[in-house]
Amino acid sequence: MQEVRRLRQARGWNQTELAFHAGLAPSVISQIENGKRSPNASTLDKLAKALGVSVGDLFPKIQATLPFDEQEEKQRRSHFLGAWVRYMHRRARYWEQVLVEEGEGLFVGERFPDATLRYEAMQDEAITIFETVFGVYQDLKETSPPTKIGQDEREELSLAVVDLHRVADKWNEKIDRAWTTITAEVQAQIEAHKLAQARERVERASKGREDMAVLFSERRVA
């Protein structure tokens, strides 16, 4: 986990010092930082408290680069709808690839908290994308004169949104299935560390999906 190494170095600690503050063996810190050990929920909590951060801060943040400059004039943003379509498909493929590369092992036992955090990160990213795309779409309609968006463009954008939702649903299904098979102890750890907050993000994503339904419906009035 590179974030653990980065946070440790930012505090000027060596691995032994972090181990002391976290109540862990130095060898455990070394294995975690070098990706040779996947920490369970209890270890994640100890590391987070020692470093003075939240558990989520121990994982790398996804930089969702916008496919256009925020300062771009609204009248020109229609030229970037195609970029949004490609961007959403790329992110869908990325999260799908994580599922393939990690396999079912990501959703078993001590690794389950890691899977939940990743799912939470994906939900955050998807919600941000949907909210921004919907905002851009509304901006285009409010320009003077209104920017015309063809039916083909709306169709492509709609399909990209559905693609990202489909991958999120895959993760959701695996999370729900794994939740029924992991031990009560691991479930308790996850609840204690509030990793189940990812479920709240599902509700936000559902709201975003309702908003995007406006985009779908406009195909019928084009």
Protein backbone atom coordinates (compact mmCIF):
# COMPACT_ATOMS: atom_id res chain seq x y z
CA MET A 1 0.00 0.00 0.00
CA GLN A 2 1.85 3.03 -1.31
CA GLU A 3 -0.38 5.45 0.61
CA VAL A 4 0.78 3.97 3.92
CA ARG A 5 4.39 4.50 2.88
CA ARG A 6 3.65 8.06 1.72
CA LEU A 7 1.83 9.00 4.93
CA ARG A 8 4.58 7.45 7.06
CA GLN A 9 7.33 9.32 5.22
CA ALA A 10 5.35 12.58 5.42
CA ARG A 11 5.60 12.27 9.21
CA GLY A 12 9.31 11.54 9.06
CA TRP A 13 8.88 8.06 10.53
CA ASN A 14 10.69 4.90 9.59
CA GLN A 15 8.85 1.58 9.54
CA THR A 16 9.86 0.75 13.10
CA GLU A 17 8.42 4.03 14.40
CA LEU A 18 5.12 3.48 12.61
CA ALA A 19 5.02 -0.08 13.95
CA PHE A 20 5.49 1.27 17.50
CA HIS A 21 2.68 3.83 17.18
CA ALA A 22 0.34 1.30 15.57
CA GLY A 23 1.17 -1.56 17.92
CA LEU A 24 2.30 -3.78 15.06
CA ALA A 25 5.49 -5.63 14.18
CA PRO A 26 7.92 -3.80 11.83
CA SER A 27 7.79 -6.81 9.52
CA VAL A 28 4.04 -6.34 9.15
CA ILE A 29 4.53 -2.70 8.11
CA SER A 30 7.15 -3.75 5.56
CA GLN A 31 4.90 -6.43 4.07
CA ILE A 32 1.93 -4.04 3.82
CA GLU A 33 3.93 -1.27 2.16
CA ASN A 34 5.44 -3.69 -0.35
CA GLY A 35 2.09 -5.23 -1.24
CA LYS A 36 2.98 -8.62 0.22
CA ARG A 37 0.27 -8.52 2.87
CA SER A 38 -3.36 -7.40 2.72
CA PRO A 39 -4.29 -5.81 6.07
CA ASN A 40 -7.55 -6.77 7.74
CA ALA A 41 -10.00 -4.25 9.18
CA SER A 42 -8.35 -4.27 12.61
CA THR A 43 -4.89 -3.56 11.15
CA LEU A 44 -6.28 -0.82 8.91
CA ASP A 45 -7.82 0.83 11.97
CA LYS A 46 -4.53 0.71 13.89
CA LEU A 47 -2.62 2.21 10.96
CA ALA A 48 -5.19 4.95 10.45
CA LYS A 49 -5.16 5.95 14.12
CA ALA A 50 -1.36 5.93 14.27
CA LEU A 51 -1.13 8.13 11.16
CA GLY A 52 -3.99 10.39 12.23
CA VAL A 53 -6.12 9.75 9.16
CA SER A 54 -9.29 7.88 8.23
CA VAL A 55 -9.17 4.31 6.95
CA GLY A 56 -10.17 5.55 3.50
CA ASP A 57 -7.05 7.76 3.40
CA LEU A 58 -4.88 4.62 3.41
CA PHE A 59 -6.02 3.88 -0.13
CA PRO A 60 -5.00 5.85 -3.24
CA LYS A 61 -7.38 8.55 -4.40
CA ILE A 62 -8.72 8.36 -7.91
CA GLN A 63 -8.03 11.48 -9.92
CA ALA A 64 -11.02 11.78 -12.22
CA THR A 65 -9.61 14.18 -14.83
CA LEU A 66 -12.34 16.10 -16.59
CA PRO A 67 -12.28 15.73 -20.38
CA PHE A 68 -12.58 19.50 -20.78
CA ASP A 69 -11.36 22.67 -19.10
CA GLU A 70 -13.75 23.89 -16.39
CA GLN A 71 -13.37 27.41 -17.81
CA GLU A 72 -14.45 26.32 -21.28
CA GLU A 73 -17.33 28.41 -22.58
CA LYS A 74 -20.67 26.63 -22.31
CA GLN A 75 -21.29 27.11 -26.01
CA ARG A 76 -18.22 25.01 -26.81
CA ARG A 77 -18.85 22.17 -24.38
CA SER A 78 -20.97 20.24 -26.86
CA HIS A 79 -17.71 19.42 -28.66
CA PHE A 80 -16.65 17.47 -25.58
CA LEU A 81 -19.69 15.21 -25.20
CA GLY A 82 -17.82 12.62 -27.24
CA ALA A 83 -14.94 12.89 -24.76
CA TRP A 84 -17.35 12.18 -21.90
CA VAL A 85 -18.64 9.10 -23.69
CA ARG A 86 -15.11 7.72 -24.14
CA TYR A 87 -14.18 8.67 -20.57
CA MET A 88 -17.10 6.79 -19.00
CA HIS A 89 -16.41 3.70 -21.09
CA ARG A 90 -12.72 3.81 -20.02
CA ARG A 91 -13.64 4.02 -16.33
CA ALA A 92 -16.12 1.17 -16.73
CA ARG A 93 -13.40 -0.98 -18.31
CA TYR A 94 -10.97 -0.07 -15.49
CA TRP A 95 -13.34 -1.17 -12.71
CA GLU A 96 -14.28 -4.28 -14.68
CA GLN A 97 -10.57 -5.12 -15.02
CA VAL A 98 -10.09 -4.80 -11.26
CA LEU A 99 -12.77 -7.44 -10.77
CA VAL A 100 -11.10 -9.77 -13.27
CA GLU A 101 -7.54 -9.31 -11.96
CA GLU A 102 -8.43 -9.56 -8.27
CA GLY A 103 -10.89 -12.42 -8.73
CA GLU A 104 -13.21 -13.80 -6.08
CA GLY A 105 -10.41 -13.63 -3.51
CA LEU A 106 -11.08 -9.91 -3.13
CA PHE A 107 -14.44 -10.69 -1.53
CA VAL A 108 -13.31 -13.33 0.95
CA GLY A 109 -12.48 -13.03 4.65
CA GLU A 110 -9.88 -10.46 5.62
CA ARG A 111 -9.76 -8.93 2.12
CA PHE A 112 -13.46 -8.07 2.15
CA PRO A 113 -12.93 -4.64 3.81
CA ASP A 114 -10.56 -3.77 0.94
CA ALA A 115 -13.24 -4.74 -1.58
CA THR A 116 -15.79 -2.61 0.25
CA LEU A 117 -13.50 0.42 0.21
CA ARG A 118 -12.86 0.01 -3.50
CA TYR A 119 -16.58 -0.26 -4.15
CA GLU A 120 -17.06 2.92 -2.13
CA ALA A 121 -14.41 4.68 -4.24
CA MET A 122 -16.08 3.52 -7.45
CA GLN A 123 -19.48 4.77 -6.26
CA ASP A 124 -17.97 8.16 -5.40
CA GLU A 125 -16.36 8.39 -8.83
CA ALA A 126 -19.50 7.31 -10.68
CA ILE A 127 -21.69 9.77 -8.76
CA THR A 128 -19.28 12.62 -9.52
CA ILE A 129 -19.25 11.72 -13.21
CA PHE A 130 -23.04 11.44 -13.44
CA GLU A 131 -23.62 14.72 -11.60
CA THR A 132 -21.08 16.54 -13.77
CA VAL A 133 -22.37 15.10 -17.04
CA PHE A 134 -25.93 15.97 -16.10
CA GLY A 135 -24.80 19.51 -15.22
CA VAL A 136 -23.01 19.90 -18.55
CA TYR A 137 -26.06 18.62 -20.38
CA GLN A 138 -28.25 21.17 -18.59
CA ASP A 139 -25.72 23.92 -19.35
CA LEU A 140 -25.93 23.15 -23.04
CA LYS A 141 -29.71 23.48 -22.98
CA GLU A 142 -29.50 26.83 -21.18
CA THR A 143 -27.05 28.52 -23.55
CA SER A 144 -28.34 31.38 -25.67
CA PRO A 145 -29.20 30.25 -28.23
CA PRO A 146 -29.60 26.70 -26.83
CA THR A 147 -26.93 24.27 -27.99
CA LYS A 148 -28.54 21.58 -30.10
CA ILE A 149 -27.66 18.02 -29.19
CA GLY A 150 -28.52 15.39 -31.74
CA GLN A 151 -30.33 12.14 -31.02
CA ASP A 152 -27.20 10.12 -31.85
CA GLU A 153 -25.19 12.08 -29.28
CA ARG A 154 -27.84 11.54 -26.61
CA GLU A 155 -27.96 7.85 -27.46
CA GLU A 156 -24.17 7.45 -27.13
CA LEU A 157 -24.11 9.37 -23.85
CA SER A 158 -26.99 7.29 -22.49
CA LEU A 159 -25.23 4.04 -23.39
CA ALA A 160 -22.05 5.21 -21.65
CA VAL A 161 -24.01 5.98 -18.48
CA VAL A 162 -25.65 2.56 -18.61
CA ASP A 163 -22.23 0.93 -19.12
CA LEU A 164 -20.82 2.49 -15.96
CA HIS A 165 -23.97 1.60 -13.99
CA ARG A 166 -23.72 -2.00 -15.22
CA VAL A 167 -20.18 -2.40 -13.85
CA ALA A 168 -21.22 -0.80 -10.55
CA ASP A 169 -24.07 -3.30 -10.35
CA LYS A 170 -21.58 -6.16 -10.83
CA TRP A 171 -19.61 -4.93 -7.82
CA ASN A 172 -22.80 -4.48 -5.82
CA GLU A 173 -23.89 -8.06 -6.53
CA LYS A 174 -20.54 -9.47 -5.42
CA ILE A 175 -20.53 -7.33 -2.27
CA ASP A 176 -24.04 -8.48 -1.33
CA ARG A 177 -23.21 -12.13 -2.05
CA ALA A 178 -19.96 -12.02 -0.08
CA TRP A 179 -21.66 -10.29 2.85
CA THR A 180 -23.74 -13.42 3.51
CA THR A 181 -20.70 -15.72 3.54
CA ILE A 182 -18.08 -13.87 5.59
CA THR A 183 -17.80 -14.50 9.29
CA ALA A 184 -19.75 -12.56 11.88
CA GLU A 185 -16.42 -11.30 13.25
CA VAL A 186 -15.45 -9.71 9.94
CA GLN A 187 -18.95 -8.28 9.55
CA ALA A 188 -18.64 -6.69 12.99
CA GLN A 189 -15.25 -5.21 12.07
CA ILE A 190 -16.66 -3.72 8.91
CA GLU A 191 -19.63 -2.23 10.72
CA ALA A 192 -17.35 -0.85 13.43
CA HIS A 193 -15.22 0.95 10.85
CA LYS A 194 -18.30 2.24 9.01
CA LEU A 195 -17.30 0.61 5.76
CA ALA A 196 -20.98 -0.11 5.23
CA GLN A 197 -21.35 3.58 4.37
CA ALA A 198 -20.84 2.44 0.80
CA ARG A 199 -24.49 1.44 0.89
CA GLU A 200 -25.46 5.08 1.36
CA ARG A 201 -23.57 5.86 -1.81
CA VAL A 202 -25.71 3.31 -3.63
CA GLU A 203 -28.74 5.41 -2.72
CA ARG A 204 -27.01 8.54 -4.02
CA ALA A 205 -26.14 6.70 -7.21
CA SER A 206 -29.79 5.69 -7.60
CA LYS A 207 -30.80 9.33 -7.29
CA GLY A 208 -28.24 10.21 -9.96
CA ARG A 209 -29.71 7.49 -12.15
CA GLU A 210 -33.14 9.10 -11.82
CA ASP A 211 -31.69 12.45 -12.85
CA MET A 212 -30.06 10.90 -15.88
CA ALA A 213 -33.45 9.48 -16.89
CA VAL A 214 -34.21 13.01 -18.09
CA LEU A 215 -31.49 12.55 -20.67
CA PHE A 216 -33.02 9.26 -21.84
CA SER A 217 -36.53 10.68 -22.08
CA GLU A 218 -35.44 13.54 -24.32
CA ARG A 219 -34.75 11.04 -27.06
CA ARG A 220 -38.51 10.76 -27.44
CA VAL A 221 -39.06 14.48 -27.87
CA ALA A 222 -36.16 15.10 -30.27
